[in-house]
């Protein structure tokens, strides 16, 4: 996990950097934000969509860098 992340305030992170992270890092970042008092309602839908995509890829066994046509 990158040292540049401010786990208490994910909204100040560079969105591009956050969207490039793996599932474990996304869970840590989001979980840390919520644990610090953040609300799930304040999490940007793009972050939630990316998390859902990573979870779906993990469950189906499809690596995240593979395109399906």
C-alpha atoms as a PDB file:
ATOM      1  CA  UNK A   1       0.000   0.000   0.000  1.00  0.00           C
ATOM      2  CA  UNK A   2       1.305   3.427  -0.878  1.00  0.00           C
ATOM      3  CA  UNK A   3       2.581   5.768   1.830  1.00  0.00           C
ATOM      4  CA  UNK A   4       0.899   8.707   0.076  1.00  0.00           C
ATOM      5  CA  UNK A   5      -2.596   7.720   1.223  1.00  0.00           C
ATOM      6  CA  UNK A   6      -4.243   9.717   3.989  1.00  0.00           C
ATOM      7  CA  UNK A   7      -6.475   7.025   5.438  1.00  0.00           C
ATOM      8  CA  UNK A   8      -8.395   9.523   7.573  1.00  0.00           C
ATOM      9  CA  UNK A   9      -9.567  11.509   4.571  1.00  0.00           C
ATOM     10  CA  UNK A  10      -9.731   9.529   1.364  1.00  0.00           C
ATOM     11  CA  UNK A  11     -11.449  12.437  -0.417  1.00  0.00           C
ATOM     12  CA  UNK A  12      -8.117  14.282  -0.518  1.00  0.00           C
ATOM     13  CA  UNK A  13      -6.421  11.376  -2.311  1.00  0.00           C
ATOM     14  CA  UNK A  14      -5.679  11.588  -5.990  1.00  0.00           C
ATOM     15  CA  UNK A  15      -8.595   9.758  -7.629  1.00  0.00           C
ATOM     16  CA  UNK A  16      -6.367   8.213 -10.296  1.00  0.00           C
ATOM     17  CA  UNK A  17      -4.070   6.720  -7.639  1.00  0.00           C
ATOM     18  CA  UNK A  18      -7.006   5.331  -5.683  1.00  0.00           C
ATOM     19  CA  UNK A  19      -8.601   3.771  -8.762  1.00  0.00           C
ATOM     20  CA  UNK A  20      -5.373   1.920  -9.613  1.00  0.00           C
ATOM     21  CA  UNK A  21      -5.254   0.017  -6.315  1.00  0.00           C
ATOM     22  CA  UNK A  22      -6.006  -3.659  -5.797  1.00  0.00           C
ATOM     23  CA  UNK A  23      -8.954  -5.057  -3.841  1.00  0.00           C
ATOM     24  CA  UNK A  24      -7.111  -5.386  -0.525  1.00  0.00           C
ATOM     25  CA  UNK A  25      -5.907  -1.784  -0.634  1.00  0.00           C
ATOM     26  CA  UNK A  26      -9.356  -0.480  -1.575  1.00  0.00           C
ATOM     27  CA  UNK A  27     -10.873  -2.351   1.378  1.00  0.00           C
ATOM     28  CA  UNK A  28      -8.254  -0.912   3.741  1.00  0.00           C
ATOM     29  CA  UNK A  29      -8.730   2.635   2.440  1.00  0.00           C
ATOM     30  CA  UNK A  30     -12.526   2.529   2.540  1.00  0.00           C
ATOM     31  CA  UNK A  31     -12.607   0.675   5.856  1.00  0.00           C
ATOM     32  CA  UNK A  32     -10.196   3.157   7.413  1.00  0.00           C
ATOM     33  CA  UNK A  33     -12.288   6.061   6.164  1.00  0.00           C
ATOM     34  CA  UNK A  34     -15.456   4.559   7.663  1.00  0.00           C
ATOM     35  CA  UNK A  35     -13.699   3.620  10.908  1.00  0.00           C
ATOM     36  CA  UNK A  36     -12.483   7.219  11.248  1.00  0.00           C
ATOM     37  CA  UNK A  37     -16.113   8.369  11.279  1.00  0.00           C
ATOM     38  CA  UNK A  38     -16.871   8.781   7.593  1.00  0.00           C
ATOM     39  CA  UNK A  39     -20.256   7.853   6.218  1.00  0.00           C
ATOM     40  CA  UNK A  40     -20.857   5.375   3.399  1.00  0.00           C
ATOM     41  CA  UNK A  41     -23.225   8.016   1.968  1.00  0.00           C
ATOM     42  CA  UNK A  42     -20.233  10.350   1.541  1.00  0.00           C
ATOM     43  CA  UNK A  43     -18.225   7.840  -0.497  1.00  0.00           C
ATOM     44  CA  UNK A  44     -18.200   8.735  -4.184  1.00  0.00           C
ATOM     45  CA  UNK A  45     -20.121   6.284  -6.360  1.00  0.00           C
ATOM     46  CA  UNK A  46     -17.042   5.874  -8.580  1.00  0.00           C
ATOM     47  CA  UNK A  47     -15.130   4.432  -5.614  1.00  0.00           C
ATOM     48  CA  UNK A  48     -17.993   2.064  -4.786  1.00  0.00           C
ATOM     49  CA  UNK A  49     -18.268   0.993  -8.443  1.00  0.00           C
ATOM     50  CA  UNK A  50     -14.532   0.255  -8.553  1.00  0.00           C
ATOM     51  CA  UNK A  51     -14.782  -1.747  -5.327  1.00  0.00           C
ATOM     52  CA  UNK A  52     -17.734  -3.706  -6.722  1.00  0.00           C
ATOM     53  CA  UNK A  53     -15.788  -4.391  -9.926  1.00  0.00           C
ATOM     54  CA  UNK A  54     -12.778  -5.681  -7.974  1.00  0.00           C
ATOM     55  CA  UNK A  55     -14.994  -7.899  -5.802  1.00  0.00           C
ATOM     56  CA  UNK A  56     -16.770  -9.277  -8.870  1.00  0.00           C
ATOM     57  CA  UNK A  57     -13.421 -10.013 -10.550  1.00  0.00           C
ATOM     58  CA  UNK A  58     -12.210 -11.786  -7.414  1.00  0.00           C
ATOM     59  CA  UNK A  59     -15.343 -13.925  -7.194  1.00  0.00           C
ATOM     60  CA  UNK A  60     -15.339 -14.861 -10.883  1.00  0.00           C
ATOM     61  CA  UNK A  61     -11.588 -15.413 -11.016  1.00  0.00           C
ATOM     62  CA  UNK A  62     -11.038 -12.906 -13.816  1.00  0.00           C
ATOM     63  CA  UNK A  63      -7.836 -10.881 -13.373  1.00  0.00           C
ATOM     64  CA  UNK A  64      -8.500  -7.142 -13.328  1.00  0.00           C
ATOM     65  CA  UNK A  65      -6.166  -6.403 -16.254  1.00  0.00           C
ATOM     66  CA  UNK A  66      -8.044  -8.664 -18.699  1.00  0.00           C
ATOM     67  CA  UNK A  67     -10.526  -7.281 -21.223  1.00  0.00           C
ATOM     68  CA  UNK A  68     -13.474  -9.452 -22.191  1.00  0.00           C
ATOM     69  CA  UNK A  69     -14.921  -8.717 -25.601  1.00  0.00           C
END
